[in-house]
Protein backbone atom coordinates (compact mmCIF):
# COMPACT_ATOMS: atom_id res chain seq x y z
CA ARG A 1 21.41 -0.48 6.73
CA GLY A 2 21.37 -3.73 4.81
CA ALA A 3 21.92 -4.03 1.10
CA ALA A 4 19.01 -3.16 -1.13
CA LEU A 5 17.78 -5.29 -4.03
CA PRO A 6 18.25 -3.15 -7.16
CA ALA A 7 15.51 -2.43 -9.66
CA PRO A 8 16.25 -0.62 -12.91
CA GLY A 9 13.59 1.54 -14.53
CA SER A 10 10.99 -0.32 -16.56
CA PRO A 11 9.51 0.61 -19.94
CA GLY A 12 6.87 3.25 -19.30
CA ARG A 13 4.00 4.77 -21.18
CA GLY A 14 4.75 5.98 -24.70
CA GLY A 15 7.72 3.59 -25.09
CA ASP A 16 10.15 5.68 -23.04
CA VAL A 17 12.18 4.23 -20.19
CA THR A 18 10.65 5.87 -17.14
CA GLY A 19 9.60 4.96 -13.65
CA PRO A 20 6.85 2.41 -13.00
CA LEU A 21 3.17 3.28 -13.17
CA LEU A 22 2.34 1.87 -9.73
CA SER A 23 4.40 1.47 -6.57
CA VAL A 24 3.11 -0.83 -3.84
CA VAL A 25 4.77 0.05 -0.53
CA ILE A 26 4.99 -2.61 2.19
CA PRO A 27 6.31 -1.40 5.56
CA THR A 28 7.22 -4.27 7.88
CA LYS A 29 8.95 -5.00 11.17
CA ASN A 30 9.86 -8.42 12.60
CA ARG A 31 7.08 -10.15 10.66
CA ALA A 32 9.01 -11.86 7.86
CA GLU A 33 6.71 -14.89 7.86
CA TYR A 34 3.85 -12.62 6.80
CA ALA A 35 5.77 -10.22 4.58
CA VAL A 36 7.18 -13.04 2.43
CA HIS A 37 3.69 -14.16 1.47
CA CYS A 38 2.58 -10.57 0.90
CA VAL A 39 5.43 -10.00 -1.55
CA GLU A 40 4.64 -13.32 -3.26
CA THR A 41 1.13 -12.14 -4.12
CA LEU A 42 2.68 -9.16 -5.91
CA ARG A 43 5.44 -11.12 -7.63
CA ARG A 44 2.80 -13.38 -9.18
CA LEU A 45 1.42 -10.43 -11.12
CA ALA A 46 2.72 -10.27 -14.67
CA ALA A 47 2.59 -6.45 -14.81
CA ARG A 48 5.90 -4.89 -15.76
CA ASP A 49 4.75 -1.38 -14.84
CA LEU A 50 4.64 -2.41 -11.17
CA GLU A 51 7.16 -1.60 -8.43
CA ILE A 52 7.26 -3.45 -5.09
CA VAL A 53 8.83 -1.37 -2.30
CA VAL A 54 9.59 -3.28 0.90
CA GLN A 55 10.58 -1.06 3.83
CA ASP A 56 11.98 -3.32 6.55
CA ASN A 57 12.68 -2.09 10.09
CA SER A 58 13.26 -5.56 11.53
CA ALA A 59 16.07 -6.43 13.91
CA THR A 60 17.88 -8.23 11.05
CA ASP A 61 17.72 -8.27 7.26
CA ALA A 62 16.61 -11.91 7.20
CA LEU A 63 13.57 -10.94 5.13
CA GLY A 64 15.78 -9.41 2.46
CA ARG A 65 17.94 -12.53 2.29
CA THR A 66 14.84 -14.70 1.95
CA LEU A 67 13.45 -12.55 -0.85
CA ALA A 68 16.80 -12.59 -2.66
CA ALA A 69 16.99 -16.38 -2.36
CA GLN A 70 13.60 -16.71 -4.05
CA GLY A 71 15.02 -15.38 -7.29
CA ALA A 72 15.65 -12.08 -9.05
CA ASP A 73 12.77 -9.71 -9.77
CA ASP A 74 13.79 -6.27 -10.99
CA ARG A 75 10.45 -4.86 -9.84
CA LEU A 76 11.37 -5.50 -6.20
CA ARG A 77 13.16 -2.83 -4.16
CA TYR A 78 14.05 -3.81 -0.60
CA GLU A 79 15.62 -1.65 2.09
CA HIS A 80 16.50 -2.65 5.63
CA VAL A 81 16.97 0.01 8.31
CA ALA A 82 18.18 -1.42 11.61
CA ALA A 83 17.77 1.77 13.67
CA PRO A 84 14.37 1.77 15.42
CA LEU A 85 11.68 3.72 13.56
CA SER A 86 8.11 4.52 14.50
CA VAL A 87 5.30 3.08 12.38
CA VAL A 88 4.83 6.47 10.75
CA GLU A 89 8.55 6.88 10.04
CA ASN A 90 8.78 3.43 8.47
CA CYS A 91 5.74 4.08 6.27
CA ASP A 92 6.95 7.54 5.32
CA ARG A 93 10.39 6.25 4.36
CA GLY A 94 8.89 3.59 2.12
CA VAL A 95 6.57 6.07 0.42
CA ALA A 96 9.49 8.46 -0.15
CA ARG A 97 11.36 5.68 -2.00
CA ALA A 98 8.42 4.90 -4.31
CA ARG A 99 9.00 5.91 -7.94
CA GLY A 100 5.60 5.11 -9.45
CA GLU A 101 3.18 7.61 -10.92
CA TYR A 102 0.70 6.19 -8.41
CA VAL A 103 1.45 4.87 -4.92
CA THR A 104 -0.45 2.54 -2.63
CA LEU A 105 0.48 1.24 0.82
CA ILE A 106 -0.54 -2.15 2.22
CA GLY A 107 0.14 -4.05 5.44
CA ASP A 108 2.73 -6.82 5.52
CA ASP A 109 -0.04 -9.38 6.08
CA ASP A 110 -2.17 -8.12 3.18
CA GLY A 111 -2.52 -9.26 -0.40
CA VAL A 112 -3.75 -7.65 -3.60
CA VAL A 113 -6.17 -8.64 -6.34
CA ALA A 114 -4.86 -9.36 -9.82
CA THR A 115 -6.69 -6.34 -11.25
CA LEU A 116 -4.68 -3.82 -9.20
CA PRO A 117 -2.32 -2.84 -12.07
CA GLU A 118 -5.31 -2.57 -14.40
CA SER A 119 -6.97 -0.21 -11.92
CA ALA A 120 -3.88 2.01 -11.92
CA ARG A 121 -3.86 2.09 -15.73
CA TRP A 122 -7.53 3.05 -15.73
CA ALA A 123 -6.85 5.87 -13.25
CA ALA A 124 -3.96 7.13 -15.40
CA ALA A 125 -6.09 7.02 -18.56
CA LYS A 126 -8.76 9.09 -16.78
CA ASP A 127 -6.07 11.46 -15.39
CA LEU A 128 -7.26 10.87 -11.82
CA ASP A 129 -5.31 12.03 -8.78
CA ALA A 130 -6.63 9.25 -6.55
CA LEU A 131 -8.65 6.06 -6.61
CA THR A 132 -10.29 4.80 -3.41
CA PRO A 133 -12.03 1.40 -3.54
CA ALA A 134 -15.07 0.50 -1.51
CA LEU A 135 -14.55 -2.16 1.17
CA LEU A 136 -15.92 -5.20 -0.64
CA ALA A 137 -14.02 -8.07 0.97
CA TRP A 138 -12.39 -8.72 4.31
CA TYR A 139 -11.11 -11.59 6.44
CA MET A 140 -11.32 -11.81 10.22
CA TRP A 141 -8.42 -13.58 11.94
CA PRO A 142 -9.46 -16.86 13.67
CA ASP A 143 -8.33 -15.65 17.11
CA ILE A 144 -10.10 -12.28 17.02
CA ARG A 145 -12.17 -11.49 20.10
CA SER A 146 -14.99 -9.05 20.74
CA ALA A 147 -15.91 -7.51 24.09
CA ARG A 148 -18.22 -10.49 24.67
CA GLY A 149 -15.79 -13.19 23.63
CA ARG A 150 -14.97 -14.83 20.31
CA SER A 151 -16.39 -12.99 17.33
CA SER A 152 -18.95 -14.84 15.23
CA ARG A 153 -17.03 -13.69 12.15
CA ALA A 154 -13.67 -15.09 13.31
CA GLY A 155 -11.99 -17.14 10.61
CA ARG A 156 -14.50 -16.00 7.99
CA LEU A 157 -13.93 -14.41 4.59
CA THR A 158 -16.69 -11.98 3.62
CA VAL A 159 -17.17 -10.80 0.03
CA ARG A 160 -19.84 -8.27 -0.87
CA PRO A 161 -21.49 -8.19 -4.32
CA PHE A 162 -19.86 -5.68 -6.66
CA GLY A 163 -20.41 -4.47 -10.19
CA GLY A 164 -17.37 -2.34 -11.04
CA GLY A 165 -19.13 1.02 -10.94
CA HIS A 166 -17.41 4.26 -9.95
CA VAL A 167 -18.38 7.70 -8.72
CA ALA A 168 -16.56 11.04 -8.43
CA ARG A 169 -16.11 12.42 -4.93
CA ASP A 170 -15.33 15.86 -3.54
CA PRO A 171 -12.56 15.48 -0.92
CA ARG A 172 -13.60 18.74 0.75
CA GLU A 173 -17.03 17.30 1.41
CA GLY A 174 -15.33 14.13 2.57
CA VAL A 175 -13.37 16.07 5.18
CA ARG A 176 -16.56 17.72 6.43
CA ARG A 177 -18.41 14.40 6.64
CA LEU A 178 -15.60 12.60 8.44
CA ALA A 179 -15.12 15.53 10.82
CA ARG A 180 -18.70 15.05 11.97
CA HIS A 181 -17.69 11.54 13.04
CA ALA A 182 -14.37 12.63 14.58
CA PHE A 183 -12.43 10.86 11.79
CA GLN A 184 -13.15 7.46 13.34
CA ASP A 185 -13.72 5.48 10.11
CA LEU A 186 -10.78 6.50 7.95
CA VAL A 187 -9.70 2.95 7.07
CA ASP A 188 -13.12 1.93 5.72
CA SER A 189 -14.12 5.33 4.37
CA VAL A 190 -14.30 6.07 0.63
CA ALA A 191 -14.85 9.80 1.21
CA LEU A 192 -11.18 10.80 1.01
CA PRO A 193 -8.09 9.87 -1.03
CA LYS A 194 -5.83 7.55 0.95
CA LEU A 195 -2.70 5.46 0.53
CA TYR A 196 -3.86 2.53 2.64
CA TYR A 197 -6.30 0.57 0.45
CA GLY A 198 -6.17 3.27 -2.20
CA LEU A 199 -4.07 4.82 -4.95
CA VAL A 200 -2.71 8.37 -4.80
CA ARG A 201 -0.76 10.15 -7.52
CA SER A 202 2.85 10.71 -6.49
CA SER A 203 2.72 14.38 -7.51
CA CYS A 204 -0.05 14.91 -4.94
CA LEU A 205 2.09 13.23 -2.29
CA ALA A 206 5.01 15.48 -3.24
CA ALA A 207 2.79 18.55 -2.84
CA LEU A 208 1.64 17.29 0.56
CA ARG A 209 5.20 16.63 1.65
CA ALA A 210 6.25 20.11 0.54
CA GLU A 211 3.39 21.62 2.54
CA ALA A 212 3.54 19.46 5.67
CA GLY A 213 7.06 18.01 5.54
CA THR A 214 5.67 14.47 5.56
CA VAL A 215 2.91 12.23 4.24
CA SER A 216 2.56 10.57 7.64
CA CYS A 217 -0.77 12.31 8.16
CA ILE A 218 -2.00 9.70 5.67
CA SER A 219 0.17 6.69 6.43
CA GLY A 220 -0.24 7.06 10.18
CA MET A 221 -4.00 6.62 10.10
CA PHE A 222 -3.95 2.86 10.59
CA LYS A 223 -2.46 0.24 12.84
CA GLY A 224 0.62 -0.93 10.97
CA PRO A 225 3.71 -3.01 11.68
């Protein structure tokens, strides 16, 4: 295991020194050129109640050295594990290291919007266990192909109109609805709480881990690093 970049606790709610409000977990493997830019989008955020957890299963700790060379940021916590891990194991390990009241998980080629910390504060103020955003924007890689050849959306950024509204959802009804579709649209669905493209309270994750021994039933639902 390579050396980890330390991150002391940051001032929390109520003036006490506690853990961060939001942990963003980034599992990665042999994709440093993408992960560096992903971390940069988070480092640009001024929020001090943010924690950036990089879980690196690459062949070397080159990513960690690059991040360290870019300058100190006590919000960043990096860990390199050289022993081969599955996608689920790498995600699960990163989530287990998260110390925030809320946790989200993103891909190493993703970015975040500047309002992410504000969204976590809003969820905390409303005492919500989870916050799942609608899919409002997405980018298709230039080399993506469909069954009939090059996709017409390749290389295109799509942004849907949005107004900032919110609705309460019953996760039990979400399970029933998704079951009718054989759970085929979990990434895009807003019917259930989820770590990938969503926020989940860490206490809920702890309860899930105590019940199932893992949170991989969430983090394994997408194609990751």
